[in-house]
Amino acid sequence: MREFIKVMKALSDPNRVKMIKLLQRRVLCVCEMQEALGLAQSTVSKHLRILEEAGLVIYFREGAWVNYRLADGADSPYAANLLGNLRHWLEEDSEVEALVARLPEIRRETISSG
């Protein structure tokens, strides 16, 4: 039951759900999520740590960048199930639609150089 509760708690915050919805579109770094959500870097990092501990996201390094993507759910059947369902849920939510619409203009190269 502990694993189930951890996944459910991770998805109980609207910003973490928005992060999942963004990561469904593409791999992102912290600065891109920070830009998209209008949150402080430390807040984004804290949310990502919670999502990672729940088995919902993973990170990998690519040069100087730390990138995040959705986990494949192999470590948790609860995470896998919810990630699968979230692919379809909230697609017509106005906040999610607005975030997704802005995503093409959010690029790490312009954020870090600006």
PDB file of N, CA and C in Angstrom:
ATOM      1  N   MET A   1       0.814  -1.196   0.000  1.00  0.00           N
ATOM      2  CA  MET A   1       0.000   0.000   0.000  1.00  0.00           C
ATOM      3  C   MET A   1       0.862   1.265   0.000  1.00  0.00           C
ATOM      4  N   ARG A   2       2.046   1.196   0.612  1.00  0.00           N
ATOM      5  CA  ARG A   2       2.918   2.372   0.690  1.00  0.00           C
ATOM      6  C   ARG A   2       3.266   2.935  -0.690  1.00  0.00           C
ATOM      7  N   GLU A   3       3.579   2.040  -1.611  1.00  0.00           N
ATOM      8  CA  GLU A   3       3.947   2.456  -2.966  1.00  0.00           C
ATOM      9  C   GLU A   3       2.772   3.160  -3.656  1.00  0.00           C
ATOM     10  N   PHE A   4       1.572   2.629  -3.481  1.00  0.00           N
ATOM     11  CA  PHE A   4       0.373   3.229  -4.054  1.00  0.00           C
ATOM     12  C   PHE A   4       0.163   4.642  -3.500  1.00  0.00           C
ATOM     13  N   ILE A   5       0.270   4.795  -2.195  1.00  0.00           N
ATOM     14  CA  ILE A   5       0.068   6.093  -1.553  1.00  0.00           C
ATOM     15  C   ILE A   5       1.117   7.097  -2.030  1.00  0.00           C
ATOM     16  N   LYS A   6       2.363   6.641  -2.197  1.00  0.00           N
ATOM     17  CA  LYS A   6       3.431   7.534  -2.665  1.00  0.00           C
ATOM     18  C   LYS A   6       3.104   8.090  -4.055  1.00  0.00           C
ATOM     19  N   VAL A   7       2.618   7.238  -4.952  1.00  0.00           N
ATOM     20  CA  VAL A   7       2.256   7.678  -6.303  1.00  0.00           C
ATOM     21  C   VAL A   7       1.072   8.636  -6.252  1.00  0.00           C
ATOM     22  N   MET A   8       0.070   8.290  -5.455  1.00  0.00           N
ATOM     23  CA  MET A   8      -1.111   9.152  -5.359  1.00  0.00           C
ATOM     24  C   MET A   8      -0.767  10.516  -4.760  1.00  0.00           C
ATOM     25  N   LYS A   9       0.065  10.533  -3.741  1.00  0.00           N
ATOM     26  CA  LYS A   9       0.479  11.804  -3.145  1.00  0.00           C
ATOM     27  C   LYS A   9       1.279  12.634  -4.140  1.00  0.00           C
ATOM     28  N   ALA A  10       2.128  11.981  -4.920  1.00  0.00           N
ATOM     29  CA  ALA A  10       2.923  12.700  -5.908  1.00  0.00           C
ATOM     30  C   ALA A  10       2.030  13.404  -6.929  1.00  0.00           C
ATOM     31  N   LEU A  11       0.908  12.791  -7.244  1.00  0.00           N
ATOM     32  CA  LEU A  11       0.001  13.373  -8.226  1.00  0.00           C
ATOM     33  C   LEU A  11      -1.101  14.221  -7.599  1.00  0.00           C
ATOM     34  N   SER A  12      -0.984  14.493  -6.316  1.00  0.00           N
ATOM     35  CA  SER A  12      -2.014  15.292  -5.634  1.00  0.00           C
ATOM     36  C   SER A  12      -1.770  16.789  -5.749  1.00  0.00           C
ATOM     37  N   ASP A  13      -0.659  17.187  -6.343  1.00  0.00           N
ATOM     38  CA  ASP A  13      -0.333  18.604  -6.499  1.00  0.00           C
ATOM     39  C   ASP A  13      -0.534  19.014  -7.956  1.00  0.00           C
ATOM     40  N   PRO A  14      -1.283  20.095  -8.213  1.00  0.00           N
ATOM     41  CA  PRO A  14      -1.538  20.521  -9.593  1.00  0.00           C
ATOM     42  C   PRO A  14      -0.267  20.799 -10.404  1.00  0.00           C
ATOM     43  N   ASN A  15       0.751  21.368  -9.789  1.00  0.00           N
ATOM     44  CA  ASN A  15       1.987  21.641 -10.533  1.00  0.00           C
ATOM     45  C   ASN A  15       2.695  20.362 -10.946  1.00  0.00           C
ATOM     46  N   ARG A  16       2.634  19.335 -10.113  1.00  0.00           N
ATOM     47  CA  ARG A  16       3.261  18.063 -10.485  1.00  0.00           C
ATOM     48  C   ARG A  16       2.488  17.389 -11.624  1.00  0.00           C
ATOM     49  N   VAL A  17       1.177  17.510 -11.618  1.00  0.00           N
ATOM     50  CA  VAL A  17       0.382  16.963 -12.722  1.00  0.00           C
ATOM     51  C   VAL A  17       0.725  17.715 -14.012  1.00  0.00           C
ATOM     52  N   LYS A  18       0.868  19.031 -13.920  1.00  0.00           N
ATOM     53  CA  LYS A  18       1.244  19.818 -15.097  1.00  0.00           C
ATOM     54  C   LYS A  18       2.621  19.399 -15.612  1.00  0.00           C
ATOM     55  N   MET A  19       3.535  19.107 -14.711  1.00  0.00           N
ATOM     56  CA  MET A  19       4.862  18.642 -15.129  1.00  0.00           C
ATOM     57  C   MET A  19       4.749  17.336 -15.903  1.00  0.00           C
ATOM     58  N   ILE A  20       3.922  16.439 -15.431  1.00  0.00           N
ATOM     59  CA  ILE A  20       3.707  15.170 -16.135  1.00  0.00           C
ATOM     60  C   ILE A  20       3.139  15.446 -17.524  1.00  0.00           C
ATOM     61  N   LYS A  21       2.165  16.333 -17.608  1.00  0.00           N
ATOM     62  CA  LYS A  21       1.560  16.646 -18.901  1.00  0.00           C
ATOM     63  C   LYS A  21       2.587  17.253 -19.855  1.00  0.00           C
ATOM     64  N   LEU A  22       3.484  18.097 -19.359  1.00  0.00           N
ATOM     65  CA  LEU A  22       4.547  18.666 -20.197  1.00  0.00           C
ATOM     66  C   LEU A  22       5.517  17.583 -20.649  1.00  0.00           C
ATOM     67  N   LEU A  23       5.888  16.710 -19.728  1.00  0.00           N
ATOM     68  CA  LEU A  23       6.851  15.652 -20.051  1.00  0.00           C
ATOM     69  C   LEU A  23       6.262  14.605 -21.006  1.00  0.00           C
ATOM     70  N   GLN A  24       4.964  14.585 -21.157  1.00  0.00           N
ATOM     71  CA  GLN A  24       4.356  13.717 -22.160  1.00  0.00           C
ATOM     72  C   GLN A  24       4.709  14.201 -23.564  1.00  0.00           C
ATOM     73  N   ARG A  25       5.018  15.490 -23.682  1.00  0.00           N
ATOM     74  CA  ARG A  25       5.312  16.078 -24.990  1.00  0.00           C
ATOM     75  C   ARG A  25       6.776  15.946 -25.371  1.00  0.00           C
ATOM     76  N   ARG A  26       7.670  16.156 -24.381  1.00  0.00           N
ATOM     77  CA  ARG A  26       9.098  16.071 -24.686  1.00  0.00           C
ATOM     78  C   ARG A  26       9.926  16.055 -23.413  1.00  0.00           C
ATOM     79  N   VAL A  27      11.177  15.705 -23.571  1.00  0.00           N
ATOM     80  CA  VAL A  27      12.149  15.761 -22.486  1.00  0.00           C
ATOM     81  C   VAL A  27      12.379  17.230 -22.156  1.00  0.00           C
ATOM     82  N   LEU A  28      12.469  17.545 -20.856  1.00  0.00           N
ATOM     83  CA  LEU A  28      12.659  18.928 -20.419  1.00  0.00           C
ATOM     84  C   LEU A  28      13.713  19.009 -19.327  1.00  0.00           C
ATOM     85  N   CYS A  29      14.367  20.145 -19.245  1.00  0.00           N
ATOM     86  CA  CYS A  29      15.263  20.415 -18.129  1.00  0.00           C
ATOM     87  C   CYS A  29      14.510  21.259 -17.097  1.00  0.00           C
ATOM     88  N   VAL A  30      15.116  21.454 -15.942  1.00  0.00           N
ATOM     89  CA  VAL A  30      14.482  22.222 -14.869  1.00  0.00           C
ATOM     90  C   VAL A  30      14.158  23.637 -15.335  1.00  0.00           C
ATOM     91  N   CYS A  31      15.084  24.280 -16.037  1.00  0.00           N
ATOM     92  CA  CYS A  31      14.855  25.675 -16.444  1.00  0.00           C
ATOM     93  C   CYS A  31      13.663  25.795 -17.397  1.00  0.00           C
ATOM     94  N   GLU A  32      13.449  24.800 -18.244  1.00  0.00           N
ATOM     95  CA  GLU A  32      12.294  24.836 -19.146  1.00  0.00           C
ATOM     96  C   GLU A  32      10.986  24.663 -18.371  1.00  0.00           C
ATOM     97  N   MET A  33      10.977  23.779 -17.389  1.00  0.00           N
ATOM     98  CA  MET A  33       9.775  23.612 -16.569  1.00  0.00           C
ATOM     99  C   MET A  33       9.528  24.849 -15.720  1.00  0.00           C
ATOM    100  N   GLN A  34      10.602  25.436 -15.228  1.00  0.00           N
ATOM    101  CA  GLN A  34      10.511  26.664 -14.440  1.00  0.00           C
ATOM    102  C   GLN A  34       9.865  27.764 -15.290  1.00  0.00           C
ATOM    103  N   GLU A  35      10.323  27.910 -16.512  1.00  0.00           N
ATOM    104  CA  GLU A  35       9.789  28.908 -17.439  1.00  0.00           C
ATOM    105  C   GLU A  35       8.317  28.637 -17.750  1.00  0.00           C
ATOM    106  N   ALA A  36       7.977  27.387 -18.024  1.00  0.00           N
ATOM    107  CA  ALA A  36       6.606  27.022 -18.386  1.00  0.00           C
ATOM    108  C   ALA A  36       5.625  27.253 -17.242  1.00  0.00           C
ATOM    109  N   LEU A  37       6.055  26.912 -16.026  1.00  0.00           N
ATOM    110  CA  LEU A  37       5.144  26.956 -14.879  1.00  0.00           C
ATOM    111  C   LEU A  37       5.227  28.246 -14.068  1.00  0.00           C
ATOM    112  N   GLY A  38       6.270  29.041 -14.312  1.00  0.00           N
ATOM    113  CA  GLY A  38       6.427  30.280 -13.546  1.00  0.00           C
ATOM    114  C   GLY A  38       6.758  30.026 -12.090  1.00  0.00           C
ATOM    115  N   LEU A  39       7.532  28.980 -11.832  1.00  0.00           N
ATOM    116  CA  LEU A  39       7.905  28.611 -10.460  1.00  0.00           C
ATOM    117  C   LEU A  39       9.404  28.810 -10.251  1.00  0.00           C
ATOM    118  N   ALA A  40       9.805  28.939  -9.010  1.00  0.00           N
ATOM    119  CA  ALA A  40      11.218  29.050  -8.661  1.00  0.00           C
ATOM    120  C   ALA A  40      11.927  27.731  -8.956  1.00  0.00           C
ATOM    121  N   GLN A  41      13.207  27.818  -9.245  1.00  0.00           N
ATOM    122  CA  GLN A  41      14.006  26.629  -9.537  1.00  0.00           C
ATOM    123  C   GLN A  41      13.944  25.625  -8.403  1.00  0.00           C
ATOM    124  N   SER A  42      14.036  26.104  -7.172  1.00  0.00           N
ATOM    125  CA  SER A  42      14.010  25.186  -6.025  1.00  0.00           C
ATOM    126  C   SER A  42      12.665  24.473  -5.908  1.00  0.00           C
ATOM    127  N   THR A  43      11.594  25.156  -6.245  1.00  0.00           N
ATOM    128  CA  THR A  43      10.258  24.547  -6.197  1.00  0.00           C
ATOM    129  C   THR A  43      10.123  23.466  -7.268  1.00  0.00           C
ATOM    130  N   VAL A  44      10.579  23.770  -8.478  1.00  0.00           N
ATOM    131  CA  VAL A  44      10.543  22.783  -9.564  1.00  0.00           C
ATOM    132  C   VAL A  44      11.360  21.560  -9.180  1.00  0.00           C
ATOM    133  N   SER A  45      12.554  21.778  -8.642  1.00  0.00           N
ATOM    134  CA  SER A  45      13.418  20.660  -8.244  1.00  0.00           C
ATOM    135  C   SER A  45      12.766  19.806  -7.162  1.00  0.00           C
ATOM    136  N   LYS A  46      12.117  20.445  -6.218  1.00  0.00           N
ATOM    137  CA  LYS A  46      11.434  19.703  -5.147  1.00  0.00           C
ATOM    138  C   LYS A  46      10.314  18.839  -5.729  1.00  0.00           C
ATOM    139  N   HIS A  47       9.519  19.420  -6.617  1.00  0.00           N
ATOM    140  CA  HIS A  47       8.440  18.658  -7.255  1.00  0.00           C
ATOM    141  C   HIS A  47       8.996  17.479  -8.053  1.00  0.00           C
ATOM    142  N   LEU A  48      10.073  17.713  -8.788  1.00  0.00           N
ATOM    143  CA  LEU A  48      10.675  16.639  -9.576  1.00  0.00           C
ATOM    144  C   LEU A  48      11.203  15.515  -8.699  1.00  0.00           C
ATOM    145  N   ARG A  49      11.760  15.861  -7.557  1.00  0.00           N
ATOM    146  CA  ARG A  49      12.262  14.844  -6.629  1.00  0.00           C
ATOM    147  C   ARG A  49      11.109  13.963  -6.136  1.00  0.00           C
ATOM    148  N   ILE A  50       9.977  14.567  -5.830  1.00  0.00           N
ATOM    149  CA  ILE A  50       8.796  13.812  -5.381  1.00  0.00           C
ATOM    150  C   ILE A  50       8.300  12.896  -6.495  1.00  0.00           C
ATOM    151  N   LEU A  51       8.244  13.415  -7.719  1.00  0.00           N
ATOM    152  CA  LEU A  51       7.809  12.601  -8.857  1.00  0.00           C
ATOM    153  C   LEU A  51       8.780  11.453  -9.125  1.00  0.00           C
ATOM    154  N   GLU A  52      10.063  11.728  -8.961  1.00  0.00           N
ATOM    155  CA  GLU A  52      11.069  10.679  -9.162  1.00  0.00           C
ATOM    156  C   GLU A  52      10.951   9.597  -8.095  1.00  0.00           C
ATOM    157  N   GLU A  53      10.803   9.991  -6.842  1.00  0.00           N
ATOM    158  CA  GLU A  53      10.676   9.018  -5.754  1.00  0.00           C
ATOM    159  C   GLU A  53       9.441   8.138  -5.913  1.00  0.00           C
ATOM    160  N   ALA A  54       8.421   8.665  -6.577  1.00  0.00           N
ATOM    161  CA  ALA A  54       7.197   7.893  -6.816  1.00  0.00           C
ATOM    162  C   ALA A  54       7.309   7.018  -8.061  1.00  0.00           C
ATOM    163  N   GLY A  55       8.428   7.113  -8.784  1.00  0.00           N
ATOM    164  CA  GLY A  55       8.620   6.294  -9.979  1.00  0.00           C
ATOM    165  C   GLY A  55       7.936   6.833 -11.216  1.00  0.00           C
ATOM    166  N   LEU A  56       7.612   8.130 -11.205  1.00  0.00           N
ATOM    167  CA  LEU A  56       6.896   8.725 -12.333  1.00  0.00           C
ATOM    168  C   LEU A  56       7.817   9.387 -13.350  1.00  0.00           C
ATOM    169  N   VAL A  57       8.948   9.900 -12.915  1.00  0.00           N
ATOM    170  CA  VAL A  57       9.911  10.515 -13.824  1.00  0.00           C
ATOM    171  C   VAL A  57      11.317   9.993 -13.529  1.00  0.00           C
ATOM    172  N   ILE A  58      12.171  10.119 -14.519  1.00  0.00           N
ATOM    173  CA  ILE A  58      13.586   9.800 -14.325  1.00  0.00           C
ATOM    174  C   ILE A  58      14.396  10.939 -14.926  1.00  0.00           C
ATOM    175  N   TYR A  59      15.642  11.037 -14.491  1.00  0.00           N
ATOM    176  CA  TYR A  59      16.510  12.060 -15.069  1.00  0.00           C
ATOM    177  C   TYR A  59      17.741  11.397 -15.656  1.00  0.00           C
ATOM    178  N   PHE A  60      18.349  12.098 -16.587  1.00  0.00           N
ATOM    179  CA  PHE A  60      19.606  11.648 -17.177  1.00  0.00           C
ATOM    180  C   PHE A  60      20.406  12.886 -17.570  1.00  0.00           C
ATOM    181  N   ARG A  61      21.702  12.727 -17.543  1.00  0.00           N
ATOM    182  CA  ARG A  61      22.598  13.832 -17.884  1.00  0.00           C
ATOM    183  C   ARG A  61      22.970  13.764 -19.352  1.00  0.00           C
ATOM    184  N   GLU A  62      23.058  14.947 -19.927  1.00  0.00           N
ATOM    185  CA  GLU A  62      23.474  15.082 -21.314  1.00  0.00           C
ATOM    186  C   GLU A  62      24.370  16.320 -21.381  1.00  0.00           C
ATOM    187  N   GLY A  63      25.657  16.096 -21.257  1.00  0.00           N
ATOM    188  CA  GLY A  63      26.586  17.225 -21.165  1.00  0.00           C
ATOM    189  C   GLY A  63      26.334  17.984 -19.881  1.00  0.00           C
ATOM    190  N   ALA A  64      26.132  19.277 -19.994  1.00  0.00           N
ATOM    191  CA  ALA A  64      25.877  20.118 -18.821  1.00  0.00           C
ATOM    192  C   ALA A  64      24.414  20.079 -18.370  1.00  0.00           C
ATOM    193  N   TRP A  65      23.561  19.465 -19.169  1.00  0.00           N
ATOM    194  CA  TRP A  65      22.125  19.471 -18.896  1.00  0.00           C
ATOM    195  C   TRP A  65      21.694  18.249 -18.093  1.00  0.00           C
ATOM    196  N   VAL A  66      20.766  18.463 -17.179  1.00  0.00           N
ATOM    197  CA  VAL A  66      20.075  17.374 -16.496  1.00  0.00           C
ATOM    198  C   VAL A  66      18.660  17.380 -17.069  1.00  0.00           C
ATOM    199  N   ASN A  67      18.325  16.318 -17.755  1.00  0.00           N
ATOM    200  CA  ASN A  67      17.042  16.208 -18.433  1.00  0.00           C
ATOM    201  C   ASN A  67      16.107  15.275 -17.679  1.00  0.00           C
ATOM    202  N   TYR A  68      14.825  15.558 -17.799  1.00  0.00           N
ATOM    203  CA  TYR A  68      13.795  14.729 -17.177  1.00  0.00           C
ATOM    204  C   TYR A  68      12.866  14.200 -18.250  1.00  0.00           C
ATOM    205  N   ARG A  69      12.439  12.965 -18.033  1.00  0.00           N
ATOM    206  CA  ARG A  69      11.440  12.352 -18.918  1.00  0.00           C
ATOM    207  C   ARG A  69      10.545  11.464 -18.061  1.00  0.00           C
ATOM    208  N   LEU A  70       9.446  11.044 -18.633  1.00  0.00           N
ATOM    209  CA  LEU A  70       8.554  10.141 -17.913  1.00  0.00           C
ATOM    210  C   LEU A  70       9.235   8.792 -17.748  1.00  0.00           C
ATOM    211  N   ALA A  71       9.008   8.183 -16.617  1.00  0.00           N
ATOM    212  CA  ALA A  71       9.510   6.823 -16.383  1.00  0.00           C
ATOM    213  C   ALA A  71       8.682   5.853 -17.217  1.00  0.00           C
ATOM    214  N   ASP A  72       9.216   4.676 -17.431  1.00  0.00           N
ATOM    215  CA  ASP A  72       8.464   3.678 -18.198  1.00  0.00           C
ATOM    216  C   ASP A  72       7.487   2.893 -17.326  1.00  0.00           C
ATOM    217  N   GLY A  73       7.527   3.126 -16.011  1.00  0.00           N
ATOM    218  CA  GLY A  73       6.605   2.459 -15.114  1.00  0.00           C
ATOM    219  C   GLY A  73       7.013   1.060 -14.729  1.00  0.00           C
ATOM    220  N   ALA A  74       8.201   0.622 -15.154  1.00  0.00           N
ATOM    221  CA  ALA A  74       8.640  -0.747 -14.880  1.00  0.00           C
ATOM    222  C   ALA A  74       8.825  -1.017 -13.385  1.00  0.00           C
ATOM    223  N   ASP A  75       9.135   0.013 -12.618  1.00  0.00           N
ATOM    224  CA  ASP A  75       9.379  -0.172 -11.190  1.00  0.00           C
ATOM    225  C   ASP A  75       8.113  -0.127 -10.337  1.00  0.00           C
ATOM    226  N   SER A  76       7.013   0.331 -10.916  1.00  0.00           N
ATOM    227  CA  SER A  76       5.784   0.460 -10.137  1.00  0.00           C
ATOM    228  C   SER A  76       4.565   0.275 -11.027  1.00  0.00           C
ATOM    229  N   PRO A  77       3.746  -0.732 -10.740  1.00  0.00           N
ATOM    230  CA  PRO A  77       2.524  -0.901 -11.531  1.00  0.00           C
ATOM    231  C   PRO A  77       1.559   0.274 -11.346  1.00  0.00           C
ATOM    232  N   TYR A  78       1.605   0.922 -10.185  1.00  0.00           N
ATOM    233  CA  TYR A  78       0.728   2.072  -9.930  1.00  0.00           C
ATOM    234  C   TYR A  78       1.170   3.258 -10.782  1.00  0.00           C
ATOM    235  N   ALA A  79       2.471   3.505 -10.822  1.00  0.00           N
ATOM    236  CA  ALA A  79       2.995   4.594 -11.651  1.00  0.00           C
ATOM    237  C   ALA A  79       2.686   4.318 -13.124  1.00  0.00           C
ATOM    238  N   ALA A  80       2.908   3.097 -13.567  1.00  0.00           N
ATOM    239  CA  ALA A  80       2.661   2.740 -14.964  1.00  0.00           C
ATOM    240  C   ALA A  80       1.201   2.960 -15.336  1.00  0.00           C
ATOM    241  N   ASN A  81       0.308   2.525 -14.475  1.00  0.00           N
ATOM    242  CA  ASN A  81      -1.122   2.652 -14.742  1.00  0.00           C
ATOM    243  C   ASN A  81      -1.538   4.121 -14.809  1.00  0.00           C
ATOM    244  N   LEU A  82      -1.104   4.902 -13.839  1.00  0.00           N
ATOM    245  CA  LEU A  82      -1.498   6.310 -13.823  1.00  0.00           C
ATOM    246  C   LEU A  82      -0.864   7.091 -14.963  1.00  0.00           C
ATOM    247  N   LEU A  83       0.388   6.799 -15.304  1.00  0.00           N
ATOM    248  CA  LEU A  83       1.002   7.475 -16.441  1.00  0.00           C
ATOM    249  C   LEU A  83       0.251   7.146 -17.732  1.00  0.00           C
ATOM    250  N   GLY A  84      -0.173   5.900 -17.863  1.00  0.00           N
ATOM    251  CA  GLY A  84      -0.952   5.513 -19.036  1.00  0.00           C
ATOM    252  C   GLY A  84      -2.270   6.259 -19.120  1.00  0.00           C
ATOM    253  N   ASN A  85      -2.961   6.353 -18.005  1.00  0.00           N
ATOM    254  CA  ASN A  85      -4.239   7.067 -17.987  1.00  0.00           C
ATOM    255  C   ASN A  85      -4.061   8.563 -18.185  1.00  0.00           C
ATOM    256  N   LEU A  86      -3.009   9.134 -17.592  1.00  0.00           N
ATOM    257  CA  LEU A  86      -2.778  10.576 -17.710  1.00  0.00           C
ATOM    258  C   LEU A  86      -2.485  11.006 -19.147  1.00  0.00           C
ATOM    259  N   ARG A  87      -2.108  10.058 -19.999  1.00  0.00           N
ATOM    260  CA  ARG A  87      -1.900  10.400 -21.417  1.00  0.00           C
ATOM    261  C   ARG A  87      -3.202  10.935 -22.019  1.00  0.00           C
ATOM    262  N   HIS A  88      -4.329  10.474 -21.518  1.00  0.00           N
ATOM    263  CA  HIS A  88      -5.634  10.848 -22.074  1.00  0.00           C
ATOM    264  C   HIS A  88      -6.363  11.857 -21.187  1.00  0.00           C
ATOM    265  N   TRP A  89      -6.107  11.807 -19.895  1.00  0.00           N
ATOM    266  CA  TRP A  89      -6.812  12.693 -18.967  1.00  0.00           C
ATOM    267  C   TRP A  89      -6.302  14.119 -19.085  1.00  0.00           C
ATOM    268  N   LEU A  90      -7.178  15.070 -18.871  1.00  0.00           N
ATOM    269  CA  LEU A  90      -6.875  16.499 -18.773  1.00  0.00           C
ATOM    270  C   LEU A  90      -6.397  17.137 -20.069  1.00  0.00           C
ATOM    271  N   GLU A  91      -6.518  16.452 -21.174  1.00  0.00           N
ATOM    272  CA  GLU A  91      -6.064  17.017 -22.448  1.00  0.00           C
ATOM    273  C   GLU A  91      -6.860  18.262 -22.827  1.00  0.00           C
ATOM    274  N   GLU A  92      -8.091  18.357 -22.378  1.00  0.00           N
ATOM    275  CA  GLU A  92      -8.919  19.511 -22.715  1.00  0.00           C
ATOM    276  C   GLU A  92      -9.028  20.513 -21.575  1.00  0.00           C
ATOM    277  N   ASP A  93      -8.251  20.324 -20.521  1.00  0.00           N
ATOM    278  CA  ASP A  93      -8.205  21.273 -19.421  1.00  0.00           C
ATOM    279  C   ASP A  93      -7.568  22.566 -19.913  1.00  0.00           C
ATOM    280  N   SER A  94      -8.165  23.707 -19.600  1.00  0.00           N
ATOM    281  CA  SER A  94      -7.673  24.977 -20.138  1.00  0.00           C
ATOM    282  C   SER A  94      -6.243  25.291 -19.699  1.00  0.00           C
ATOM    283  N   GLU A  95      -5.872  24.965 -18.460  1.00  0.00           N
ATOM    284  CA  GLU A  95      -4.507  25.223 -17.997  1.00  0.00           C
ATOM    285  C   GLU A  95      -3.506  24.338 -18.742  1.00  0.00           C
ATOM    286  N   VAL A  96      -3.846  23.090 -18.933  1.00  0.00           N
ATOM    287  CA  VAL A  96      -2.971  22.164 -19.653  1.00  0.00           C
ATOM    288  C   VAL A  96      -2.852  22.601 -21.114  1.00  0.00           C
ATOM    289  N   GLU A  97      -3.965  22.976 -21.729  1.00  0.00           N
ATOM    290  CA  GLU A  97      -3.922  23.433 -23.118  1.00  0.00           C
ATOM    291  C   GLU A  97      -3.011  24.648 -23.271  1.00  0.00           C
ATOM    292  N   ALA A  98      -3.093  25.597 -22.342  1.00  0.00           N
ATOM    293  CA  ALA A  98      -2.260  26.804 -22.403  1.00  0.00           C
ATOM    294  C   ALA A  98      -0.777  26.462 -22.248  1.00  0.00           C
ATOM    295  N   LEU A  99      -0.467  25.562 -21.320  1.00  0.00           N
ATOM    296  CA  LEU A  99       0.929  25.141 -21.133  1.00  0.00           C
ATOM    297  C   LEU A  99       1.481  24.482 -22.386  1.00  0.00           C
ATOM    298  N   VAL A 100       0.719  23.574 -22.932  1.00  0.00           N
ATOM    299  CA  VAL A 100       1.153  22.829 -24.111  1.00  0.00           C
ATOM    300  C   VAL A 100       1.326  23.779 -25.300  1.00  0.00           C
ATOM    301  N   ALA A 101       0.460  24.769 -25.418  1.00  0.00           N
ATOM    302  CA  ALA A 101       0.558  25.734 -26.515  1.00  0.00           C
ATOM    303  C   ALA A 101       1.848  26.554 -26.423  1.00  0.00           C
ATOM    304  N   ARG A 102       2.302  26.851 -25.213  1.00  0.00           N
ATOM    305  CA  ARG A 102       3.530  27.630 -25.012  1.00  0.00           C
ATOM    306  C   ARG A 102       4.797  26.802 -25.157  1.00  0.00           C
ATOM    307  N   LEU A 103       4.685  25.516 -25.042  1.00  0.00           N
ATOM    308  CA  LEU A 103       5.861  24.648 -24.998  1.00  0.00           C
ATOM    309  C   LEU A 103       6.816  24.811 -26.193  1.00  0.00           C
ATOM    310  N   PRO A 104       6.340  24.955 -27.426  1.00  0.00           N
ATOM    311  CA  PRO A 104       7.282  25.104 -28.539  1.00  0.00           C
ATOM    312  C   PRO A 104       8.205  26.321 -28.426  1.00  0.00           C
ATOM    313  N   GLU A 105       7.756  27.367 -27.760  1.00  0.00           N
ATOM    314  CA  GLU A 105       8.588  28.575 -27.637  1.00  0.00           C
ATOM    315  C   GLU A 105       9.552  28.516 -26.447  1.00  0.00           C
ATOM    316  N   ILE A 106       9.436  27.500 -25.628  1.00  0.00           N
ATOM    317  CA  ILE A 106      10.291  27.377 -24.449  1.00  0.00           C
ATOM    318  C   ILE A 106      11.465  26.460 -24.786  1.00  0.00           C
ATOM    319  N   ARG A 107      12.630  27.055 -24.886  1.00  0.00           N
ATOM    320  CA  ARG A 107      13.859  26.327 -25.223  1.00  0.00           C
ATOM    321  C   ARG A 107      14.969  26.709 -24.271  1.00  0.00           C
ATOM    322  N   ARG A 108      15.658  25.719 -23.772  1.00  0.00           N
ATOM    323  CA  ARG A 108      16.732  25.944 -22.798  1.00  0.00           C
ATOM    324  C   ARG A 108      17.792  26.912 -23.312  1.00  0.00           C
ATOM    325  N   GLU A 109      18.089  26.866 -24.587  1.00  0.00           N
ATOM    326  CA  GLU A 109      19.138  27.723 -25.146  1.00  0.00           C
ATOM    327  C   GLU A 109      18.796  29.206 -25.006  1.00  0.00           C
ATOM    328  N   THR A 110      17.535  29.548 -25.185  1.00  0.00           N
ATOM    329  CA  THR A 110      17.137  30.957 -25.066  1.00  0.00           C
ATOM    330  C   THR A 110      16.947  31.361 -23.607  1.00  0.00           C
ATOM    331  N   ILE A 111      16.566  30.425 -22.771  1.00  0.00           N
ATOM    332  CA  ILE A 111      16.387  30.736 -21.348  1.00  0.00           C
ATOM    333  C   ILE A 111      17.745  30.987 -20.697  1.00  0.00           C
ATOM    334  N   SER A 112      18.694  30.112 -20.937  1.00  0.00           N
ATOM    335  CA  SER A 112      19.988  30.219 -20.266  1.00  0.00           C
ATOM    336  C   SER A 112      20.848  31.339 -20.836  1.00  0.00           C
ATOM    337  N   SER A 113      20.618  31.737 -22.085  1.00  0.00           N
ATOM    338  CA  SER A 113      21.427  32.810 -22.660  1.00  0.00           C
ATOM    339  C   SER A 113      20.800  34.172 -22.468  1.00  0.00           C
ATOM    340  N   GLY A 114      19.495  34.196 -22.101  1.00  0.00           N
ATOM    341  CA  GLY A 114      18.792  35.470 -21.982  1.00  0.00           C
ATOM    342  C   GLY A 114      18.951  36.019 -20.634  1.00  0.00           C
TER     343      GLY A 114
END
